[in-house]
Amino acid sequence: MLGFLLYLIVIGIVAGYLARLLVPGEDPMGFFGTMALGIVGSFVGGFLGYLLFGHDLDEGALQASGVIGSIIGAIIALLVWRAVGGQRGGGRPVTR
């Protein structure tokens, strides 16, 4: 169990950082926000892998994915975060 948690943390840091690097724009997230983004992305990637490929049927749909799936999931989670608003109060509205 401890190994799984360390895996989630390390993969979360890498996937969250790469997602923020690959998606242009400013994200006011700190280290722990980036790590949480990667961890959420890992589960999003695992869910998408389950839906697309149907592997690991005995583990269920909510599972962690590998590095590439985590990065793709983190990019999706970051884009959804931005679409929903991403900031709670105090943020300046974007004017065009």
PDB file of N, CA and C in Angstrom:
ATOM      1  N   MET A   1       0.824  -1.191   0.000  1.00  0.00           N
ATOM      2  CA  MET A   1       0.000   0.000   0.000  1.00  0.00           C
ATOM      3  C   MET A   1       0.865   1.250   0.000  1.00  0.00           C
ATOM      4  N   LEU A   2       1.952   1.235   0.767  1.00  0.00           N
ATOM      5  CA  LEU A   2       2.839   2.396   0.817  1.00  0.00           C
ATOM      6  C   LEU A   2       3.505   2.621  -0.537  1.00  0.00           C
ATOM      7  N   GLY A   3       3.864   1.543  -1.207  1.00  0.00           N
ATOM      8  CA  GLY A   3       4.455   1.647  -2.537  1.00  0.00           C
ATOM      9  C   GLY A   3       3.487   2.271  -3.538  1.00  0.00           C
ATOM     10  N   PHE A   4       2.207   1.908  -3.438  1.00  0.00           N
ATOM     11  CA  PHE A   4       1.193   2.472  -4.323  1.00  0.00           C
ATOM     12  C   PHE A   4       1.038   3.964  -4.082  1.00  0.00           C
ATOM     13  N   LEU A   5       1.044   4.384  -2.824  1.00  0.00           N
ATOM     14  CA  LEU A   5       0.929   5.806  -2.515  1.00  0.00           C
ATOM     15  C   LEU A   5       2.137   6.594  -3.015  1.00  0.00           C
ATOM     16  N   LEU A   6       3.323   6.029  -2.857  1.00  0.00           N
ATOM     17  CA  LEU A   6       4.518   6.693  -3.381  1.00  0.00           C
ATOM     18  C   LEU A   6       4.473   6.769  -4.906  1.00  0.00           C
ATOM     19  N   TYR A   7       3.987   5.718  -5.537  1.00  0.00           N
ATOM     20  CA  TYR A   7       3.814   5.719  -6.987  1.00  0.00           C
ATOM     21  C   TYR A   7       2.872   6.837  -7.404  1.00  0.00           C
ATOM     22  N   LEU A   8       1.737   6.967  -6.718  1.00  0.00           N
ATOM     23  CA  LEU A   8       0.781   8.017  -7.052  1.00  0.00           C
ATOM     24  C   LEU A   8       1.392   9.405  -6.883  1.00  0.00           C
ATOM     25  N   ILE A   9       2.153   9.611  -5.835  1.00  0.00           N
ATOM     26  CA  ILE A   9       2.754  10.918  -5.581  1.00  0.00           C
ATOM     27  C   ILE A   9       3.789  11.257  -6.655  1.00  0.00           C
ATOM     28  N   VAL A  10       4.684  10.333  -6.945  1.00  0.00           N
ATOM     29  CA  VAL A  10       5.740  10.598  -7.935  1.00  0.00           C
ATOM     30  C   VAL A  10       5.145  10.787  -9.328  1.00  0.00           C
ATOM     31  N   ILE A  11       4.265   9.890  -9.732  1.00  0.00           N
ATOM     32  CA  ILE A  11       3.621  10.022 -11.036  1.00  0.00           C
ATOM     33  C   ILE A  11       2.759  11.275 -11.072  1.00  0.00           C
ATOM     34  N   GLY A  12       2.114  11.613  -9.963  1.00  0.00           N
ATOM     35  CA  GLY A  12       1.307  12.828  -9.902  1.00  0.00           C
ATOM     36  C   GLY A  12       2.131  14.081 -10.110  1.00  0.00           C
ATOM     37  N   ILE A  13       3.309  14.132  -9.514  1.00  0.00           N
ATOM     38  CA  ILE A  13       4.184  15.293  -9.687  1.00  0.00           C
ATOM     39  C   ILE A  13       4.617  15.414 -11.144  1.00  0.00           C
ATOM     40  N   VAL A  14       5.066  14.306 -11.721  1.00  0.00           N
ATOM     41  CA  VAL A  14       5.550  14.325 -13.104  1.00  0.00           C
ATOM     42  C   VAL A  14       4.415  14.649 -14.078  1.00  0.00           C
ATOM     43  N   ALA A  15       3.283  13.977 -13.946  1.00  0.00           N
ATOM     44  CA  ALA A  15       2.170  14.186 -14.871  1.00  0.00           C
ATOM     45  C   ALA A  15       1.588  15.587 -14.724  1.00  0.00           C
ATOM     46  N   GLY A  16       1.447  16.066 -13.497  1.00  0.00           N
ATOM     47  CA  GLY A  16       0.918  17.409 -13.288  1.00  0.00           C
ATOM     48  C   GLY A  16       1.828  18.474 -13.860  1.00  0.00           C
ATOM     49  N   TYR A  17       3.132  18.325 -13.655  1.00  0.00           N
ATOM     50  CA  TYR A  17       4.079  19.289 -14.193  1.00  0.00           C
ATOM     51  C   TYR A  17       4.068  19.277 -15.724  1.00  0.00           C
ATOM     52  N   LEU A  18       4.077  18.092 -16.324  1.00  0.00           N
ATOM     53  CA  LEU A  18       4.073  18.007 -17.783  1.00  0.00           C
ATOM     54  C   LEU A  18       2.766  18.529 -18.375  1.00  0.00           C
ATOM     55  N   ALA A  19       1.642  18.292 -17.711  1.00  0.00           N
ATOM     56  CA  ALA A  19       0.365  18.818 -18.191  1.00  0.00           C
ATOM     57  C   ALA A  19       0.380  20.338 -18.175  1.00  0.00           C
ATOM     58  N   ARG A  20       0.895  20.928 -17.091  1.00  0.00           N
ATOM     59  CA  ARG A  20       0.977  22.391 -17.020  1.00  0.00           C
ATOM     60  C   ARG A  20       1.963  22.939 -18.037  1.00  0.00           C
ATOM     61  N   LEU A  21       2.990  22.176 -18.367  1.00  0.00           N
ATOM     62  CA  LEU A  21       3.976  22.594 -19.358  1.00  0.00           C
ATOM     63  C   LEU A  21       3.395  22.520 -20.771  1.00  0.00           C
ATOM     64  N   LEU A  22       2.619  21.481 -21.063  1.00  0.00           N
ATOM     65  CA  LEU A  22       2.100  21.265 -22.405  1.00  0.00           C
ATOM     66  C   LEU A  22       0.886  22.117 -22.738  1.00  0.00           C
ATOM     67  N   VAL A  23       0.094  22.488 -21.743  1.00  0.00           N
ATOM     68  CA  VAL A  23      -1.096  23.299 -21.981  1.00  0.00           C
ATOM     69  C   VAL A  23      -0.714  24.757 -21.759  1.00  0.00           C
ATOM     70  N   PRO A  24      -0.762  25.573 -22.822  1.00  0.00           N
ATOM     71  CA  PRO A  24      -0.352  26.971 -22.665  1.00  0.00           C
ATOM     72  C   PRO A  24      -1.325  27.746 -21.788  1.00  0.00           C
ATOM     73  N   GLY A  25      -0.814  28.757 -21.139  1.00  0.00           N
ATOM     74  CA  GLY A  25      -1.634  29.596 -20.281  1.00  0.00           C
ATOM     75  C   GLY A  25      -1.118  29.574 -18.859  1.00  0.00           C
ATOM     76  N   GLU A  26      -1.662  30.462 -18.067  1.00  0.00           N
ATOM     77  CA  GLU A  26      -1.214  30.608 -16.686  1.00  0.00           C
ATOM     78  C   GLU A  26      -2.136  29.841 -15.749  1.00  0.00           C
ATOM     79  N   ASP A  27      -1.545  29.104 -14.839  1.00  0.00           N
ATOM     80  CA  ASP A  27      -2.294  28.353 -13.835  1.00  0.00           C
ATOM     81  C   ASP A  27      -1.734  28.692 -12.466  1.00  0.00           C
ATOM     82  N   PRO A  28      -2.519  29.346 -11.626  1.00  0.00           N
ATOM     83  CA  PRO A  28      -2.019  29.715 -10.293  1.00  0.00           C
ATOM     84  C   PRO A  28      -2.066  28.550  -9.318  1.00  0.00           C
ATOM     85  N   MET A  29      -1.253  27.532  -9.580  1.00  0.00           N
ATOM     86  CA  MET A  29      -1.186  26.344  -8.723  1.00  0.00           C
ATOM     87  C   MET A  29       0.202  26.243  -8.128  1.00  0.00           C
ATOM     88  N   GLY A  30       0.246  25.802  -6.920  1.00  0.00           N
ATOM     89  CA  GLY A  30       1.518  25.537  -6.278  1.00  0.00           C
ATOM     90  C   GLY A  30       1.936  24.090  -6.486  1.00  0.00           C
ATOM     91  N   PHE A  31       2.900  23.663  -5.703  1.00  0.00           N
ATOM     92  CA  PHE A  31       3.430  22.310  -5.802  1.00  0.00           C
ATOM     93  C   PHE A  31       2.354  21.268  -5.512  1.00  0.00           C
ATOM     94  N   PHE A  32       1.595  21.460  -4.434  1.00  0.00           N
ATOM     95  CA  PHE A  32       0.601  20.458  -4.056  1.00  0.00           C
ATOM     96  C   PHE A  32      -0.581  20.442  -5.024  1.00  0.00           C
ATOM     97  N   GLY A  33      -0.911  21.600  -5.599  1.00  0.00           N
ATOM     98  CA  GLY A  33      -1.954  21.646  -6.619  1.00  0.00           C
ATOM     99  C   GLY A  33      -1.543  20.897  -7.867  1.00  0.00           C
ATOM    100  N   THR A  34      -0.270  21.043  -8.245  1.00  0.00           N
ATOM    101  CA  THR A  34       0.262  20.328  -9.403  1.00  0.00           C
ATOM    102  C   THR A  34       0.276  18.827  -9.140  1.00  0.00           C
ATOM    103  N   MET A  35       0.658  18.440  -7.930  1.00  0.00           N
ATOM    104  CA  MET A  35       0.665  17.023  -7.574  1.00  0.00           C
ATOM    105  C   MET A  35      -0.760  16.466  -7.589  1.00  0.00           C
ATOM    106  N   ALA A  36      -1.716  17.207  -7.052  1.00  0.00           N
ATOM    107  CA  ALA A  36      -3.106  16.755  -7.049  1.00  0.00           C
ATOM    108  C   ALA A  36      -3.645  16.654  -8.475  1.00  0.00           C
ATOM    109  N   LEU A  37      -3.254  17.596  -9.330  1.00  0.00           N
ATOM    110  CA  LEU A  37      -3.657  17.538 -10.736  1.00  0.00           C
ATOM    111  C   LEU A  37      -3.165  16.242 -11.376  1.00  0.00           C
ATOM    112  N   GLY A  38      -1.930  15.882 -11.126  1.00  0.00           N
ATOM    113  CA  GLY A  38      -1.375  14.647 -11.690  1.00  0.00           C
ATOM    114  C   GLY A  38      -2.037  13.403 -11.138  1.00  0.00           C
ATOM    115  N   ILE A  39      -2.365  13.399  -9.852  1.00  0.00           N
ATOM    116  CA  ILE A  39      -3.026  12.239  -9.253  1.00  0.00           C
ATOM    117  C   ILE A  39      -4.435  12.081  -9.820  1.00  0.00           C
ATOM    118  N   VAL A  40      -5.168  13.191  -9.924  1.00  0.00           N
ATOM    119  CA  VAL A  40      -6.493  13.139 -10.536  1.00  0.00           C
ATOM    120  C   VAL A  40      -6.363  12.689 -11.989  1.00  0.00           C
ATOM    121  N   GLY A  41      -5.344  13.207 -12.678  1.00  0.00           N
ATOM    122  CA  GLY A  41      -5.104  12.810 -14.062  1.00  0.00           C
ATOM    123  C   GLY A  41      -4.813  11.332 -14.203  1.00  0.00           C
ATOM    124  N   SER A  42      -4.153  10.749 -13.221  1.00  0.00           N
ATOM    125  CA  SER A  42      -3.869   9.327 -13.260  1.00  0.00           C
ATOM    126  C   SER A  42      -5.160   8.511 -13.218  1.00  0.00           C
ATOM    127  N   PHE A  43      -6.096   8.936 -12.395  1.00  0.00           N
ATOM    128  CA  PHE A  43      -7.371   8.217 -12.324  1.00  0.00           C
ATOM    129  C   PHE A  43      -8.238   8.487 -13.550  1.00  0.00           C
ATOM    130  N   VAL A  44      -8.183   9.708 -14.089  1.00  0.00           N
ATOM    131  CA  VAL A  44      -8.901  10.006 -15.328  1.00  0.00           C
ATOM    132  C   VAL A  44      -8.335   9.151 -16.461  1.00  0.00           C
ATOM    133  N   GLY A  45      -7.001   9.074 -16.543  1.00  0.00           N
ATOM    134  CA  GLY A  45      -6.372   8.234 -17.559  1.00  0.00           C
ATOM    135  C   GLY A  45      -6.712   6.765 -17.388  1.00  0.00           C
ATOM    136  N   GLY A  46      -6.773   6.303 -16.151  1.00  0.00           N
ATOM    137  CA  GLY A  46      -7.162   4.913 -15.887  1.00  0.00           C
ATOM    138  C   GLY A  46      -8.588   4.632 -16.296  1.00  0.00           C
ATOM    139  N   PHE A  47      -9.472   5.590 -16.039  1.00  0.00           N
ATOM    140  CA  PHE A  47     -10.874   5.440 -16.425  1.00  0.00           C
ATOM    141  C   PHE A  47     -11.013   5.422 -17.943  1.00  0.00           C
ATOM    142  N   LEU A  48     -10.299   6.334 -18.621  1.00  0.00           N
ATOM    143  CA  LEU A  48     -10.356   6.354 -20.085  1.00  0.00           C
ATOM    144  C   LEU A  48      -9.768   5.082 -20.683  1.00  0.00           C
ATOM    145  N   GLY A  49      -8.682   4.592 -20.108  1.00  0.00           N
ATOM    146  CA  GLY A  49      -8.107   3.333 -20.575  1.00  0.00           C
ATOM    147  C   GLY A  49      -9.067   2.174 -20.390  1.00  0.00           C
ATOM    148  N   TYR A  50      -9.789   2.182 -19.278  1.00  0.00           N
ATOM    149  CA  TYR A  50     -10.789   1.141 -19.028  1.00  0.00           C
ATOM    150  C   TYR A  50     -11.912   1.216 -20.064  1.00  0.00           C
ATOM    151  N   LEU A  51     -12.368   2.449 -20.358  1.00  0.00           N
ATOM    152  CA  LEU A  51     -13.450   2.611 -21.330  1.00  0.00           C
ATOM    153  C   LEU A  51     -13.008   2.237 -22.746  1.00  0.00           C
ATOM    154  N   LEU A  52     -11.805   2.633 -23.119  1.00  0.00           N
ATOM    155  CA  LEU A  52     -11.350   2.407 -24.480  1.00  0.00           C
ATOM    156  C   LEU A  52     -10.901   0.968 -24.741  1.00  0.00           C
ATOM    157  N   PHE A  53     -10.191   0.396 -23.795  1.00  0.00           N
ATOM    158  CA  PHE A  53      -9.569  -0.900 -24.033  1.00  0.00           C
ATOM    159  C   PHE A  53     -10.194  -2.042 -23.246  1.00  0.00           C
ATOM    160  N   GLY A  54     -10.943  -1.740 -22.188  1.00  0.00           N
ATOM    161  CA  GLY A  54     -11.614  -2.770 -21.421  1.00  0.00           C
ATOM    162  C   GLY A  54     -10.689  -3.680 -20.637  1.00  0.00           C
ATOM    163  N   HIS A  55      -9.441  -3.282 -20.435  1.00  0.00           N
ATOM    164  CA  HIS A  55      -8.507  -4.108 -19.668  1.00  0.00           C
ATOM    165  C   HIS A  55      -8.796  -3.991 -18.184  1.00  0.00           C
ATOM    166  N   ASP A  56      -8.298  -4.919 -17.428  1.00  0.00           N
ATOM    167  CA  ASP A  56      -8.418  -4.950 -15.974  1.00  0.00           C
ATOM    168  C   ASP A  56      -9.878  -4.876 -15.522  1.00  0.00           C
ATOM    169  N   LEU A  57     -10.704  -5.696 -16.118  1.00  0.00           N
ATOM    170  CA  LEU A  57     -12.120  -5.680 -15.779  1.00  0.00           C
ATOM    171  C   LEU A  57     -12.360  -6.078 -14.330  1.00  0.00           C
ATOM    172  N   ASP A  58     -11.458  -6.879 -13.762  1.00  0.00           N
ATOM    173  CA  ASP A  58     -11.646  -7.301 -12.384  1.00  0.00           C
ATOM    174  C   ASP A  58     -11.314  -6.186 -11.395  1.00  0.00           C
ATOM    175  N   GLU A  59     -10.544  -5.172 -11.804  1.00  0.00           N
ATOM    176  CA  GLU A  59     -10.205  -4.071 -10.908  1.00  0.00           C
ATOM    177  C   GLU A  59     -11.270  -2.980 -10.907  1.00  0.00           C
ATOM    178  N   GLY A  60     -12.085  -2.902 -11.916  1.00  0.00           N
ATOM    179  CA  GLY A  60     -13.109  -1.882 -11.992  1.00  0.00           C
ATOM    180  C   GLY A  60     -12.643  -0.684 -12.802  1.00  0.00           C
ATOM    181  N   ALA A  61     -13.541   0.275 -12.965  1.00  0.00           N
ATOM    182  CA  ALA A  61     -13.265   1.420 -13.829  1.00  0.00           C
ATOM    183  C   ALA A  61     -12.388   2.465 -13.155  1.00  0.00           C
ATOM    184  N   LEU A  62     -12.430   2.575 -11.843  1.00  0.00           N
ATOM    185  CA  LEU A  62     -11.655   3.595 -11.149  1.00  0.00           C
ATOM    186  C   LEU A  62     -10.318   3.005 -10.726  1.00  0.00           C
ATOM    187  N   GLN A  63      -9.291   3.274 -11.530  1.00  0.00           N
ATOM    188  CA  GLN A  63      -7.967   2.725 -11.262  1.00  0.00           C
ATOM    189  C   GLN A  63      -6.918   3.707 -11.737  1.00  0.00           C
ATOM    190  N   ALA A  64      -5.736   3.608 -11.197  1.00  0.00           N
ATOM    191  CA  ALA A  64      -4.632   4.457 -11.616  1.00  0.00           C
ATOM    192  C   ALA A  64      -4.083   3.949 -12.941  1.00  0.00           C
ATOM    193  N   SER A  65      -3.544   4.872 -13.735  1.00  0.00           N
ATOM    194  CA  SER A  65      -2.973   4.470 -15.011  1.00  0.00           C
ATOM    195  C   SER A  65      -1.467   4.665 -14.990  1.00  0.00           C
ATOM    196  N   GLY A  66      -0.834   4.362 -16.098  1.00  0.00           N
ATOM    197  CA  GLY A  66       0.608   4.538 -16.226  1.00  0.00           C
ATOM    198  C   GLY A  66       0.974   5.984 -16.486  1.00  0.00           C
ATOM    199  N   VAL A  67       2.215   6.214 -16.832  1.00  0.00           N
ATOM    200  CA  VAL A  67       2.725   7.572 -16.991  1.00  0.00           C
ATOM    201  C   VAL A  67       2.030   8.293 -18.145  1.00  0.00           C
ATOM    202  N   ILE A  68       1.940   7.665 -19.300  1.00  0.00           N
ATOM    203  CA  ILE A  68       1.336   8.335 -20.456  1.00  0.00           C
ATOM    204  C   ILE A  68      -0.145   8.594 -20.216  1.00  0.00           C
ATOM    205  N   GLY A  69      -0.847   7.616 -19.683  1.00  0.00           N
ATOM    206  CA  GLY A  69      -2.257   7.811 -19.357  1.00  0.00           C
ATOM    207  C   GLY A  69      -2.453   8.884 -18.305  1.00  0.00           C
ATOM    208  N   SER A  70      -1.527   8.980 -17.358  1.00  0.00           N
ATOM    209  CA  SER A  70      -1.614  10.011 -16.322  1.00  0.00           C
ATOM    210  C   SER A  70      -1.418  11.392 -16.913  1.00  0.00           C
ATOM    211  N   ILE A  71      -0.495  11.534 -17.850  1.00  0.00           N
ATOM    212  CA  ILE A  71      -0.266  12.836 -18.479  1.00  0.00           C
ATOM    213  C   ILE A  71      -1.483  13.250 -19.300  1.00  0.00           C
ATOM    214  N   ILE A  72      -2.021  12.324 -20.087  1.00  0.00           N
ATOM    215  CA  ILE A  72      -3.218  12.625 -20.880  1.00  0.00           C
ATOM    216  C   ILE A  72      -4.386  12.971 -19.966  1.00  0.00           C
ATOM    217  N   GLY A  73      -4.561  12.203 -18.899  1.00  0.00           N
ATOM    218  CA  GLY A  73      -5.632  12.490 -17.943  1.00  0.00           C
ATOM    219  C   GLY A  73      -5.437  13.820 -17.242  1.00  0.00           C
ATOM    220  N   ALA A  74      -4.189  14.171 -16.917  1.00  0.00           N
ATOM    221  CA  ALA A  74      -3.916  15.451 -16.262  1.00  0.00           C
ATOM    222  C   ALA A  74      -4.187  16.617 -17.205  1.00  0.00           C
ATOM    223  N   ILE A  75      -3.887  16.451 -18.493  1.00  0.00           N
ATOM    224  CA  ILE A  75      -4.210  17.499 -19.464  1.00  0.00           C
ATOM    225  C   ILE A  75      -5.718  17.688 -19.550  1.00  0.00           C
ATOM    226  N   ILE A  76      -6.455  16.589 -19.595  1.00  0.00           N
ATOM    227  CA  ILE A  76      -7.917  16.667 -19.633  1.00  0.00           C
ATOM    228  C   ILE A  76      -8.448  17.317 -18.360  1.00  0.00           C
ATOM    229  N   ALA A  77      -7.918  16.915 -17.204  1.00  0.00           N
ATOM    230  CA  ALA A  77      -8.367  17.497 -15.933  1.00  0.00           C
ATOM    231  C   ALA A  77      -8.045  18.988 -15.869  1.00  0.00           C
ATOM    232  N   LEU A  78      -6.887  19.396 -16.384  1.00  0.00           N
ATOM    233  CA  LEU A  78      -6.519  20.803 -16.386  1.00  0.00           C
ATOM    234  C   LEU A  78      -7.443  21.614 -17.287  1.00  0.00           C
ATOM    235  N   LEU A  79      -7.771  21.083 -18.450  1.00  0.00           N
ATOM    236  CA  LEU A  79      -8.684  21.784 -19.352  1.00  0.00           C
ATOM    237  C   LEU A  79     -10.091  21.893 -18.752  1.00  0.00           C
ATOM    238  N   VAL A  80     -10.538  20.837 -18.081  1.00  0.00           N
ATOM    239  CA  VAL A  80     -11.846  20.889 -17.409  1.00  0.00           C
ATOM    240  C   VAL A  80     -11.802  21.900 -16.266  1.00  0.00           C
ATOM    241  N   TRP A  81     -10.707  21.917 -15.518  1.00  0.00           N
ATOM    242  CA  TRP A  81     -10.534  22.863 -14.412  1.00  0.00           C
ATOM    243  C   TRP A  81     -10.638  24.299 -14.918  1.00  0.00           C
ATOM    244  N   ARG A  82      -9.986  24.570 -16.042  1.00  0.00           N
ATOM    245  CA  ARG A  82     -10.050  25.916 -16.621  1.00  0.00           C
ATOM    246  C   ARG A  82     -11.452  26.241 -17.120  1.00  0.00           C
ATOM    247  N   ALA A  83     -12.132  25.277 -17.725  1.00  0.00           N
ATOM    248  CA  ALA A  83     -13.474  25.515 -18.256  1.00  0.00           C
ATOM    249  C   ALA A  83     -14.474  25.797 -17.152  1.00  0.00           C
ATOM    250  N   VAL A  84     -14.303  25.154 -16.016  1.00  0.00           N
ATOM    251  CA  VAL A  84     -15.222  25.352 -14.899  1.00  0.00           C
ATOM    252  C   VAL A  84     -14.965  26.675 -14.194  1.00  0.00           C
ATOM    253  N   GLY A  85     -13.773  27.174 -14.259  1.00  0.00           N
ATOM    254  CA  GLY A  85     -13.454  28.440 -13.614  1.00  0.00           C
ATOM    255  C   GLY A  85     -12.125  28.385 -12.920  1.00  0.00           C
ATOM    256  N   GLY A  86     -11.867  27.318 -12.235  1.00  0.00           N
ATOM    257  CA  GLY A  86     -10.556  27.070 -11.658  1.00  0.00           C
ATOM    258  C   GLY A  86     -10.178  27.882 -10.453  1.00  0.00           C
ATOM    259  N   GLN A  87     -10.715  29.073 -10.275  1.00  0.00           N
ATOM    260  CA  GLN A  87     -10.355  29.881  -9.121  1.00  0.00           C
ATOM    261  C   GLN A  87     -11.593  30.098  -8.275  1.00  0.00           C
ATOM    262  N   ARG A  88     -11.375  30.103  -6.997  1.00  0.00           N
ATOM    263  CA  ARG A  88     -12.471  30.391  -6.073  1.00  0.00           C
ATOM    264  C   ARG A  88     -12.328  31.812  -5.575  1.00  0.00           C
ATOM    265  N   GLY A  89     -13.218  32.685  -5.994  1.00  0.00           N
ATOM    266  CA  GLY A  89     -13.236  34.050  -5.490  1.00  0.00           C
ATOM    267  C   GLY A  89     -11.904  34.770  -5.617  1.00  0.00           C
ATOM    268  N   GLY A  90     -11.932  36.045  -5.738  1.00  0.00           N
ATOM    269  CA  GLY A  90     -10.720  36.839  -5.748  1.00  0.00           C
ATOM    270  C   GLY A  90     -10.001  36.879  -7.071  1.00  0.00           C
ATOM    271  N   GLY A  91     -10.446  36.099  -8.034  1.00  0.00           N
ATOM    272  CA  GLY A  91      -9.793  36.101  -9.340  1.00  0.00           C
ATOM    273  C   GLY A  91     -10.307  37.253 -10.193  1.00  0.00           C
ATOM    274  N   ARG A  92      -9.432  37.824 -10.991  1.00  0.00           N
ATOM    275  CA  ARG A  92      -9.850  38.892 -11.879  1.00  0.00           C
ATOM    276  C   ARG A  92     -10.556  38.298 -13.085  1.00  0.00           C
ATOM    277  N   PRO A  93     -11.665  38.900 -13.505  1.00  0.00           N
ATOM    278  CA  PRO A  93     -12.331  38.390 -14.708  1.00  0.00           C
ATOM    279  C   PRO A  93     -11.497  38.684 -15.945  1.00  0.00           C
ATOM    280  N   VAL A  94     -11.574  37.809 -16.900  1.00  0.00           N
ATOM    281  CA  VAL A  94     -10.836  37.968 -18.139  1.00  0.00           C
ATOM    282  C   VAL A  94     -11.641  38.841 -19.070  1.00  0.00           C
ATOM    283  N   THR A  95     -11.028  39.918 -19.567  1.00  0.00           N
ATOM    284  CA  THR A  95     -11.695  40.797 -20.517  1.00  0.00           C
ATOM    285  C   THR A  95     -11.008  40.687 -21.855  1.00  0.00           C
ATOM    286  N   ARG A  96     -11.789  40.766 -22.897  1.00  0.00           N
ATOM    287  CA  ARG A  96     -11.218  40.651 -24.240  1.00  0.00           C
ATOM    288  C   ARG A  96     -11.566  41.849 -25.049  1.00  0.00           C
TER     289      ARG A  96
END
